[in-house]
Amino acid sequence: MIGMAYIVDDFPLYYDATNEKGLSMAGLNFPDNADYKEVKEGYDNIAPFEFIPWILGQCASVSEARILLEQINLVNLNFSEELPLSPLHWMISDQRDSIVVESTKDGLKVFENPVGVLTNNPTFDYQMFNLNNYMHLSKEPPANTFAAELELEQYSRGMGAIGLPGDLSSASRFVKAAFTKMNSVSGDSESESISQFFHILGSVEQQRGCVHLGEDKYEITIYSSCCNMDKGIYYYTTYENNQITAVDMYKENLDGNTIISYPLMKEQQINYRNY
């Protein structure tokens, strides 16, 4: 499998990954809602930091993952004293289906994900219900339904989407990402698809300074990534470097037993034409 991870003592703590069968999985921040359980007899007791490799190491599709999820219990076990558990929920996707997995105080829940989008809080069922509030949005020019006797006219492009959230809350970013993804049009080539993907994510990225976390800390989009599920090529950008970097899984020995890692390309790469 290939993905983004923080490696500790040769153990990859994955943020996201894709296996050689084309199944992808990502964990996103889910504070105050994530609730992990005690070990339960008769279940597969898996620590959250093991969850991504546990699924991707056994499953080739979302349908296979659903079967494993019937017996899973995400346990409250820290990786180490220095690295306590992160509150997460997960999206699991292949080329046909997508689901969201959340372990809350109500237990483990698996949701169908028809929009193929996940942000953070609140819970996924609310995020999907909230889309009802935006069903009037459209990529098309608006018609006057305000009052027939008033001569109202379109004076700008894009007015069909007036009301689309633009703030940086996770609920608003979910709506905007879903609208952008569901309405975006990409070309057929690999490069066009990659470019379009990063444009979609760019519509909801976090810029340093806009969300203050206290003292001198700010919320940012640390990295963005996607993977060609057929070719096993992982693409990413970082906050400091928006040039796309790629790593090809099949250029490495997939039968090996050692982790192969590459440092992040963080420094901005600029293609000077007359330097």
C-alpha atoms as a PDB file:
ATOM      1  CA  MET A   1       0.000   0.000   0.000  1.00  0.00           C
ATOM      2  CA  ILE A   2       1.007   3.603  -0.459  1.00  0.00           C
ATOM      3  CA  GLY A   3       0.005   6.685   1.476  1.00  0.00           C
ATOM      4  CA  MET A   4       0.879   9.499   3.839  1.00  0.00           C
ATOM      5  CA  ALA A   5       2.146   8.423   7.244  1.00  0.00           C
ATOM      6  CA  TYR A   6       4.148   9.408  10.294  1.00  0.00           C
ATOM      7  CA  ILE A   7       6.632   6.600  10.910  1.00  0.00           C
ATOM      8  CA  VAL A   8       7.589   5.684  14.467  1.00  0.00           C
ATOM      9  CA  ASP A   9       9.970   2.766  15.093  1.00  0.00           C
ATOM     10  CA  ASP A  10       9.241   1.378  11.614  1.00  0.00           C
ATOM     11  CA  PHE A  11       5.480   1.497  12.232  1.00  0.00           C
ATOM     12  CA  PRO A  12       3.548   3.725   9.797  1.00  0.00           C
ATOM     13  CA  LEU A  13       0.812   5.790  11.405  1.00  0.00           C
ATOM     14  CA  TYR A  14      -1.251   6.381   8.282  1.00  0.00           C
ATOM     15  CA  TYR A  15      -3.277   9.495   7.586  1.00  0.00           C
ATOM     16  CA  ASP A  16      -4.461   7.983   4.307  1.00  0.00           C
ATOM     17  CA  ALA A  17      -3.469   5.104   2.049  1.00  0.00           C
ATOM     18  CA  THR A  18      -4.405   3.080  -1.039  1.00  0.00           C
ATOM     19  CA  ASN A  19      -3.644  -0.607  -1.561  1.00  0.00           C
ATOM     20  CA  GLU A  20      -2.660  -2.425  -4.751  1.00  0.00           C
ATOM     21  CA  LYS A  21      -6.296  -3.496  -5.302  1.00  0.00           C
ATOM     22  CA  GLY A  22      -7.460   0.110  -5.542  1.00  0.00           C
ATOM     23  CA  LEU A  23      -9.105   0.433  -2.127  1.00  0.00           C
ATOM     24  CA  SER A  24      -8.463   3.746  -0.390  1.00  0.00           C
ATOM     25  CA  MET A  25      -8.943   4.897   3.185  1.00  0.00           C
ATOM     26  CA  ALA A  26      -8.402   8.154   5.069  1.00  0.00           C
ATOM     27  CA  GLY A  27      -8.800   9.223   8.694  1.00  0.00           C
ATOM     28  CA  LEU A  28      -9.975  12.766   9.458  1.00  0.00           C
ATOM     29  CA  ASN A  29     -10.134  14.704  12.697  1.00  0.00           C
ATOM     30  CA  PHE A  30     -13.344  14.058  14.664  1.00  0.00           C
ATOM     31  CA  PRO A  31     -12.889  15.724  18.092  1.00  0.00           C
ATOM     32  CA  ASP A  32     -15.511  15.405  20.842  1.00  0.00           C
ATOM     33  CA  ASN A  33     -17.451  12.846  18.792  1.00  0.00           C
ATOM     34  CA  ALA A  34     -14.980   9.979  18.425  1.00  0.00           C
ATOM     35  CA  ASP A  35     -15.387   7.446  21.215  1.00  0.00           C
ATOM     36  CA  TYR A  36     -13.236   4.320  21.395  1.00  0.00           C
ATOM     37  CA  LYS A  37     -14.207   1.280  23.443  1.00  0.00           C
ATOM     38  CA  GLU A  38     -12.739  -1.227  25.863  1.00  0.00           C
ATOM     39  CA  VAL A  39     -11.629  -4.621  24.566  1.00  0.00           C
ATOM     40  CA  LYS A  40     -14.679  -6.755  23.808  1.00  0.00           C
ATOM     41  CA  GLU A  41     -14.600 -10.535  23.628  1.00  0.00           C
ATOM     42  CA  GLY A  42     -15.771 -12.064  20.364  1.00  0.00           C
ATOM     43  CA  TYR A  43     -14.802  -9.034  18.271  1.00  0.00           C
ATOM     44  CA  ASP A  44     -11.754  -7.978  16.292  1.00  0.00           C
ATOM     45  CA  ASN A  45     -10.298  -5.479  18.744  1.00  0.00           C
ATOM     46  CA  ILE A  46      -8.337  -2.996  16.653  1.00  0.00           C
ATOM     47  CA  ALA A  47      -6.600   0.167  17.809  1.00  0.00           C
ATOM     48  CA  PRO A  48      -7.475   3.199  15.663  1.00  0.00           C
ATOM     49  CA  PHE A  49      -3.842   3.596  14.573  1.00  0.00           C
ATOM     50  CA  GLU A  50      -4.018   0.036  13.177  1.00  0.00           C
ATOM     51  CA  PHE A  51      -7.339   0.551  11.411  1.00  0.00           C
ATOM     52  CA  ILE A  52      -6.120   1.687   7.982  1.00  0.00           C
ATOM     53  CA  PRO A  53      -3.511  -1.074   7.456  1.00  0.00           C
ATOM     54  CA  TRP A  54      -5.899  -3.638   8.982  1.00  0.00           C
ATOM     55  CA  ILE A  55      -8.568  -2.869   6.366  1.00  0.00           C
ATOM     56  CA  LEU A  56      -6.268  -2.297   3.398  1.00  0.00           C
ATOM     57  CA  GLY A  57      -4.185  -5.356   4.232  1.00  0.00           C
ATOM     58  CA  GLN A  58      -7.215  -7.642   3.887  1.00  0.00           C
ATOM     59  CA  CYS A  59      -9.752  -6.014   1.572  1.00  0.00           C
ATOM     60  CA  ALA A  60      -9.919  -5.338  -2.155  1.00  0.00           C
ATOM     61  CA  SER A  61     -13.219  -3.438  -2.156  1.00  0.00           C
ATOM     62  CA  VAL A  62     -15.677  -1.519  -0.021  1.00  0.00           C
ATOM     63  CA  SER A  63     -17.999  -4.537  -0.023  1.00  0.00           C
ATOM     64  CA  GLU A  64     -15.249  -6.673   1.530  1.00  0.00           C
ATOM     65  CA  ALA A  65     -14.525  -3.942   4.079  1.00  0.00           C
ATOM     66  CA  ARG A  66     -18.194  -3.905   5.107  1.00  0.00           C
ATOM     67  CA  ILE A  67     -17.919  -7.575   6.090  1.00  0.00           C
ATOM     68  CA  LEU A  68     -14.900  -6.959   8.336  1.00  0.00           C
ATOM     69  CA  LEU A  69     -16.586  -3.950   9.918  1.00  0.00           C
ATOM     70  CA  GLU A  70     -19.374  -6.175  11.234  1.00  0.00           C
ATOM     71  CA  GLN A  71     -16.933  -7.663  13.755  1.00  0.00           C
ATOM     72  CA  ILE A  72     -14.661  -4.730  14.533  1.00  0.00           C
ATOM     73  CA  ASN A  73     -14.307  -2.968  17.861  1.00  0.00           C
ATOM     74  CA  LEU A  74     -12.120   0.150  17.841  1.00  0.00           C
ATOM     75  CA  VAL A  75     -10.373   0.085  21.203  1.00  0.00           C
ATOM     76  CA  ASN A  76      -9.117   2.882  23.410  1.00  0.00           C
ATOM     77  CA  LEU A  77      -5.415   2.039  23.216  1.00  0.00           C
ATOM     78  CA  ASN A  78      -2.763   4.719  22.772  1.00  0.00           C
ATOM     79  CA  PHE A  79       0.138   4.095  20.426  1.00  0.00           C
ATOM     80  CA  SER A  80       2.503   5.306  23.141  1.00  0.00           C
ATOM     81  CA  GLU A  81       2.617   7.685  26.071  1.00  0.00           C
ATOM     82  CA  GLU A  82       3.987  10.369  23.756  1.00  0.00           C
ATOM     83  CA  LEU A  83       1.453   9.629  20.997  1.00  0.00           C
ATOM     84  CA  PRO A  84      -2.071   9.304  22.410  1.00  0.00           C
ATOM     85  CA  LEU A  85      -4.967   8.381  20.168  1.00  0.00           C
ATOM     86  CA  SER A  86      -6.340  10.965  17.773  1.00  0.00           C
ATOM     87  CA  PRO A  87     -10.130  11.369  17.582  1.00  0.00           C
ATOM     88  CA  LEU A  88     -10.901  10.258  14.033  1.00  0.00           C
ATOM     89  CA  HIS A  89     -13.539   9.063  11.636  1.00  0.00           C
ATOM     90  CA  TRP A  90     -12.745   7.380   8.329  1.00  0.00           C
ATOM     91  CA  MET A  91     -13.752   7.290   4.688  1.00  0.00           C
ATOM     92  CA  ILE A  92     -13.248   4.034   2.761  1.00  0.00           C
ATOM     93  CA  SER A  93     -13.627   4.161  -1.024  1.00  0.00           C
ATOM     94  CA  ASP A  94     -13.057   2.179  -4.180  1.00  0.00           C
ATOM     95  CA  GLN A  95     -13.965   3.152  -7.734  1.00  0.00           C
ATOM     96  CA  ARG A  96     -17.636   2.276  -7.217  1.00  0.00           C
ATOM     97  CA  ASP A  97     -18.567   2.819  -3.578  1.00  0.00           C
ATOM     98  CA  SER A  98     -17.710   4.956  -0.581  1.00  0.00           C
ATOM     99  CA  ILE A  99     -18.583   4.609   3.102  1.00  0.00           C
ATOM    100  CA  VAL A 100     -17.854   6.501   6.317  1.00  0.00           C
ATOM    101  CA  VAL A 101     -17.019   4.773   9.605  1.00  0.00           C
ATOM    102  CA  GLU A 102     -17.590   6.506  12.940  1.00  0.00           C
ATOM    103  CA  SER A 103     -17.087   5.128  16.437  1.00  0.00           C
ATOM    104  CA  THR A 104     -19.149   7.286  18.808  1.00  0.00           C
ATOM    105  CA  LYS A 105     -20.811   6.869  22.189  1.00  0.00           C
ATOM    106  CA  ASP A 106     -23.703   5.232  20.326  1.00  0.00           C
ATOM    107  CA  GLY A 107     -21.380   2.549  18.938  1.00  0.00           C
ATOM    108  CA  LEU A 108     -19.824   1.865  15.554  1.00  0.00           C
ATOM    109  CA  LYS A 109     -21.768   3.292  12.628  1.00  0.00           C
ATOM    110  CA  VAL A 110     -21.206   2.769   8.917  1.00  0.00           C
ATOM    111  CA  PHE A 111     -22.768   5.279   6.524  1.00  0.00           C
ATOM    112  CA  GLU A 112     -23.145   5.166   2.767  1.00  0.00           C
ATOM    113  CA  ASN A 113     -21.309   8.138   1.265  1.00  0.00           C
ATOM    114  CA  PRO A 114     -22.949   9.061  -2.058  1.00  0.00           C
ATOM    115  CA  VAL A 115     -21.046  12.353  -2.348  1.00  0.00           C
ATOM    116  CA  GLY A 116     -17.577  10.883  -1.735  1.00  0.00           C
ATOM    117  CA  VAL A 117     -16.681  13.732   0.634  1.00  0.00           C
ATOM    118  CA  LEU A 118     -15.703  13.856   4.301  1.00  0.00           C
ATOM    119  CA  THR A 119     -14.602  16.738   6.514  1.00  0.00           C
ATOM    120  CA  ASN A 120     -14.702  16.814  10.324  1.00  0.00           C
ATOM    121  CA  ASN A 121     -17.489  17.531  12.825  1.00  0.00           C
ATOM    122  CA  PRO A 122     -20.387  17.033  13.201  1.00  0.00           C
ATOM    123  CA  THR A 123     -21.368  13.418  12.549  1.00  0.00           C
ATOM    124  CA  PHE A 124     -21.765  12.251   8.963  1.00  0.00           C
ATOM    125  CA  ASP A 125     -25.525  11.714   9.140  1.00  0.00           C
ATOM    126  CA  TYR A 126     -25.944  15.393  10.049  1.00  0.00           C
ATOM    127  CA  GLN A 127     -23.596  16.464   7.256  1.00  0.00           C
ATOM    128  CA  MET A 128     -25.715  14.625   4.704  1.00  0.00           C
ATOM    129  CA  PHE A 129     -29.007  15.903   6.151  1.00  0.00           C
ATOM    130  CA  ASN A 130     -27.638  19.446   6.070  1.00  0.00           C
ATOM    131  CA  LEU A 131     -27.351  19.237   2.273  1.00  0.00           C
ATOM    132  CA  ASN A 132     -31.154  19.534   2.178  1.00  0.00           C
ATOM    133  CA  ASN A 133     -30.715  23.194   3.087  1.00  0.00           C
ATOM    134  CA  TYR A 134     -28.837  23.775  -0.165  1.00  0.00           C
ATOM    135  CA  MET A 135     -30.915  21.842  -2.698  1.00  0.00           C
ATOM    136  CA  HIS A 136     -31.789  25.131  -4.419  1.00  0.00           C
ATOM    137  CA  LEU A 137     -28.161  25.755  -5.428  1.00  0.00           C
ATOM    138  CA  SER A 138     -27.352  25.234  -9.078  1.00  0.00           C
ATOM    139  CA  LYS A 139     -24.516  25.524 -11.547  1.00  0.00           C
ATOM    140  CA  GLU A 140     -27.073  26.945 -13.995  1.00  0.00           C
ATOM    141  CA  PRO A 141     -28.139  30.606 -14.249  1.00  0.00           C
ATOM    142  CA  PRO A 142     -31.011  31.328 -11.846  1.00  0.00           C
ATOM    143  CA  ALA A 143     -34.597  31.951 -12.905  1.00  0.00           C
ATOM    144  CA  ASN A 144     -36.773  34.559 -11.245  1.00  0.00           C
ATOM    145  CA  THR A 145     -38.967  32.674  -8.773  1.00  0.00           C
ATOM    146  CA  PHE A 146     -39.002  35.570  -6.292  1.00  0.00           C
ATOM    147  CA  ALA A 147     -41.998  37.387  -7.782  1.00  0.00           C
ATOM    148  CA  ALA A 148     -43.431  37.140 -11.285  1.00  0.00           C
ATOM    149  CA  GLU A 149     -44.414  40.807 -11.339  1.00  0.00           C
ATOM    150  CA  LEU A 150     -40.838  41.953 -10.682  1.00  0.00           C
ATOM    151  CA  GLU A 151     -38.360  42.188 -13.546  1.00  0.00           C
ATOM    152  CA  LEU A 152     -35.344  40.612 -11.865  1.00  0.00           C
ATOM    153  CA  GLU A 153     -32.299  39.816 -13.958  1.00  0.00           C
ATOM    154  CA  GLN A 154     -29.046  37.954 -13.648  1.00  0.00           C
ATOM    155  CA  TYR A 155     -26.209  40.479 -13.422  1.00  0.00           C
ATOM    156  CA  SER A 156     -23.270  38.122 -12.828  1.00  0.00           C
ATOM    157  CA  ARG A 157     -22.135  34.623 -13.648  1.00  0.00           C
ATOM    158  CA  GLY A 158     -22.396  32.063 -10.859  1.00  0.00           C
ATOM    159  CA  MET A 159     -25.552  33.476  -9.283  1.00  0.00           C
ATOM    160  CA  GLY A 160     -27.171  30.041  -9.300  1.00  0.00           C
ATOM    161  CA  ALA A 161     -24.905  29.127  -6.393  1.00  0.00           C
ATOM    162  CA  ILE A 162     -25.563  32.194  -4.239  1.00  0.00           C
ATOM    163  CA  GLY A 163     -25.825  30.853  -0.696  1.00  0.00           C
ATOM    164  CA  LEU A 164     -23.039  28.294  -1.100  1.00  0.00           C
ATOM    165  CA  PRO A 165     -21.082  28.467   2.184  1.00  0.00           C
ATOM    166  CA  GLY A 166     -17.693  30.119   2.080  1.00  0.00           C
ATOM    167  CA  ASP A 167     -16.650  30.011   5.729  1.00  0.00           C
ATOM    168  CA  LEU A 168     -14.089  27.554   7.103  1.00  0.00           C
ATOM    169  CA  SER A 169     -16.259  25.514   9.464  1.00  0.00           C
ATOM    170  CA  SER A 170     -16.194  21.801   8.703  1.00  0.00           C
ATOM    171  CA  ALA A 171     -19.954  21.696   8.035  1.00  0.00           C
ATOM    172  CA  SER A 172     -19.664  24.512   5.491  1.00  0.00           C
ATOM    173  CA  ARG A 173     -16.595  22.989   3.880  1.00  0.00           C
ATOM    174  CA  PHE A 174     -18.512  19.716   3.520  1.00  0.00           C
ATOM    175  CA  VAL A 175     -21.300  21.480   1.619  1.00  0.00           C
ATOM    176  CA  LYS A 176     -18.905  23.378  -0.620  1.00  0.00           C
ATOM    177  CA  ALA A 177     -16.728  20.335  -1.328  1.00  0.00           C
ATOM    178  CA  ALA A 178     -19.800  18.226  -2.132  1.00  0.00           C
ATOM    179  CA  PHE A 179     -21.247  20.875  -4.468  1.00  0.00           C
ATOM    180  CA  THR A 180     -17.911  21.420  -6.196  1.00  0.00           C
ATOM    181  CA  LYS A 181     -17.176  17.712  -6.611  1.00  0.00           C
ATOM    182  CA  MET A 182     -20.664  16.782  -7.800  1.00  0.00           C
ATOM    183  CA  ASN A 183     -20.753  19.573 -10.389  1.00  0.00           C
ATOM    184  CA  SER A 184     -17.145  19.739 -11.557  1.00  0.00           C
ATOM    185  CA  VAL A 185     -16.227  18.594 -15.058  1.00  0.00           C
ATOM    186  CA  SER A 186     -12.847  17.052 -15.786  1.00  0.00           C
ATOM    187  CA  GLY A 187     -11.116  16.060 -18.980  1.00  0.00           C
ATOM    188  CA  ASP A 188     -10.346  12.418 -19.727  1.00  0.00           C
ATOM    189  CA  SER A 189      -6.578  12.486 -19.355  1.00  0.00           C
ATOM    190  CA  GLU A 190      -4.637  11.651 -16.215  1.00  0.00           C
ATOM    191  CA  SER A 191      -3.151  15.129 -15.947  1.00  0.00           C
ATOM    192  CA  GLU A 192      -6.558  16.794 -16.365  1.00  0.00           C
ATOM    193  CA  SER A 193      -8.074  14.600 -13.651  1.00  0.00           C
ATOM    194  CA  ILE A 194      -5.218  15.325 -11.254  1.00  0.00           C
ATOM    195  CA  SER A 195      -5.460  19.048 -11.885  1.00  0.00           C
ATOM    196  CA  GLN A 196      -9.220  19.035 -11.373  1.00  0.00           C
ATOM    197  CA  PHE A 197      -8.909  17.062  -8.139  1.00  0.00           C
ATOM    198  CA  PHE A 198      -6.554  19.592  -6.578  1.00  0.00           C
ATOM    199  CA  HIS A 199      -8.785  22.449  -7.734  1.00  0.00           C
ATOM    200  CA  ILE A 200     -11.700  20.795  -5.907  1.00  0.00           C
ATOM    201  CA  LEU A 201      -9.722  20.406  -2.691  1.00  0.00           C
ATOM    202  CA  GLY A 202      -8.368  23.911  -3.089  1.00  0.00           C
ATOM    203  CA  SER A 203     -11.901  25.278  -2.864  1.00  0.00           C
ATOM    204  CA  VAL A 204     -12.035  24.301   0.828  1.00  0.00           C
ATOM    205  CA  GLU A 205      -8.405  24.525   1.949  1.00  0.00           C
ATOM    206  CA  GLN A 206      -7.440  26.338   5.148  1.00  0.00           C
ATOM    207  CA  GLN A 207      -5.104  29.330   4.919  1.00  0.00           C
ATOM    208  CA  ARG A 208      -2.840  30.203   7.834  1.00  0.00           C
ATOM    209  CA  GLY A 209      -4.268  33.045   9.878  1.00  0.00           C
ATOM    210  CA  CYS A 210      -7.962  32.541   9.097  1.00  0.00           C
ATOM    211  CA  VAL A 211      -8.715  30.081  11.928  1.00  0.00           C
ATOM    212  CA  HIS A 212      -6.956  30.980  15.183  1.00  0.00           C
ATOM    213  CA  LEU A 213      -6.343  28.097  17.600  1.00  0.00           C
ATOM    214  CA  GLY A 214      -4.822  30.176  20.380  1.00  0.00           C
ATOM    215  CA  GLU A 215      -1.402  31.728  20.977  1.00  0.00           C
ATOM    216  CA  ASP A 216       0.456  31.581  17.642  1.00  0.00           C
ATOM    217  CA  LYS A 217      -1.296  28.477  16.287  1.00  0.00           C
ATOM    218  CA  TYR A 218      -3.564  28.452  13.242  1.00  0.00           C
ATOM    219  CA  GLU A 219      -5.492  25.803  11.359  1.00  0.00           C
ATOM    220  CA  ILE A 220      -3.975  25.040   7.956  1.00  0.00           C
ATOM    221  CA  THR A 221      -4.315  22.407   5.257  1.00  0.00           C
ATOM    222  CA  ILE A 222      -1.024  20.608   5.883  1.00  0.00           C
ATOM    223  CA  TYR A 223      -1.219  18.547   2.713  1.00  0.00           C
ATOM    224  CA  SER A 224      -3.629  17.435  -0.011  1.00  0.00           C
ATOM    225  CA  SER A 225      -3.404  14.126  -1.839  1.00  0.00           C
ATOM    226  CA  CYS A 226      -5.020  11.732  -4.272  1.00  0.00           C
ATOM    227  CA  CYS A 227      -4.130   8.370  -5.783  1.00  0.00           C
ATOM    228  CA  ASN A 228      -4.681   6.762  -9.167  1.00  0.00           C
ATOM    229  CA  MET A 229      -6.299   3.513  -8.026  1.00  0.00           C
ATOM    230  CA  ASP A 230      -5.399   1.675 -11.240  1.00  0.00           C
ATOM    231  CA  LYS A 231      -1.778   2.752 -11.538  1.00  0.00           C
ATOM    232  CA  GLY A 232      -0.932   3.062  -7.845  1.00  0.00           C
ATOM    233  CA  ILE A 233       0.498   6.552  -8.275  1.00  0.00           C
ATOM    234  CA  TYR A 234       0.138   8.796  -5.224  1.00  0.00           C
ATOM    235  CA  TYR A 235       0.038  12.559  -5.789  1.00  0.00           C
ATOM    236  CA  TYR A 236       0.347  15.228  -3.130  1.00  0.00           C
ATOM    237  CA  THR A 237       0.950  18.888  -2.414  1.00  0.00           C
ATOM    238  CA  THR A 238       1.899  20.504   0.895  1.00  0.00           C
ATOM    239  CA  TYR A 239       0.989  23.835   2.421  1.00  0.00           C
ATOM    240  CA  GLU A 240       4.415  25.241   1.587  1.00  0.00           C
ATOM    241  CA  ASN A 241       4.739  23.603  -1.843  1.00  0.00           C
ATOM    242  CA  ASN A 242       1.804  23.572  -4.232  1.00  0.00           C
ATOM    243  CA  GLN A 243       3.730  21.830  -6.992  1.00  0.00           C
ATOM    244  CA  ILE A 244       2.372  18.287  -7.343  1.00  0.00           C
ATOM    245  CA  THR A 245       4.741  15.501  -6.255  1.00  0.00           C
ATOM    246  CA  ALA A 246       4.158  11.880  -7.290  1.00  0.00           C
ATOM    247  CA  VAL A 247       5.296   8.478  -5.997  1.00  0.00           C
ATOM    248  CA  ASP A 248       4.625   5.291  -8.000  1.00  0.00           C
ATOM    249  CA  MET A 249       3.846   2.281  -5.801  1.00  0.00           C
ATOM    250  CA  TYR A 250       4.726  -0.163  -8.572  1.00  0.00           C
ATOM    251  CA  LYS A 251       8.247   1.203  -8.904  1.00  0.00           C
ATOM    252  CA  GLU A 252       8.951  -0.464  -5.545  1.00  0.00           C
ATOM    253  CA  ASN A 253       9.079  -4.105  -4.458  1.00  0.00           C
ATOM    254  CA  LEU A 254       5.580  -4.826  -3.161  1.00  0.00           C
ATOM    255  CA  ASP A 255       6.720  -8.198  -1.821  1.00  0.00           C
ATOM    256  CA  GLY A 256       9.350  -6.610   0.403  1.00  0.00           C
ATOM    257  CA  ASN A 257       9.104  -6.497   4.182  1.00  0.00           C
ATOM    258  CA  THR A 258      10.629  -3.088   4.832  1.00  0.00           C
ATOM    259  CA  ILE A 259       8.982   0.315   4.753  1.00  0.00           C
ATOM    260  CA  ILE A 260      10.039   2.588   1.919  1.00  0.00           C
ATOM    261  CA  SER A 261       9.595   6.255   2.722  1.00  0.00           C
ATOM    262  CA  TYR A 262      10.303   9.569   1.062  1.00  0.00           C
ATOM    263  CA  PRO A 263      10.606  12.911   2.849  1.00  0.00           C
ATOM    264  CA  LEU A 264       7.879  15.405   2.029  1.00  0.00           C
ATOM    265  CA  MET A 265       8.727  17.958  -0.625  1.00  0.00           C
ATOM    266  CA  LYS A 266       7.903  20.968   1.533  1.00  0.00           C
ATOM    267  CA  GLU A 267       9.951  23.745  -0.031  1.00  0.00           C
ATOM    268  CA  GLN A 268       8.123  25.688  -2.726  1.00  0.00           C
ATOM    269  CA  GLN A 269       9.143  24.538  -6.209  1.00  0.00           C
ATOM    270  CA  ILE A 270       9.126  27.343  -8.778  1.00  0.00           C
ATOM    271  CA  ASN A 271       9.677  26.725 -12.476  1.00  0.00           C
ATOM    272  CA  TYR A 272      11.644  29.787 -13.569  1.00  0.00           C
ATOM    273  CA  ARG A 273      11.451  30.304 -17.331  1.00  0.00           C
ATOM    274  CA  ASN A 274      14.128  32.982 -17.667  1.00  0.00           C
ATOM    275  CA  TYR A 275      16.241  32.422 -14.557  1.00  0.00           C
END
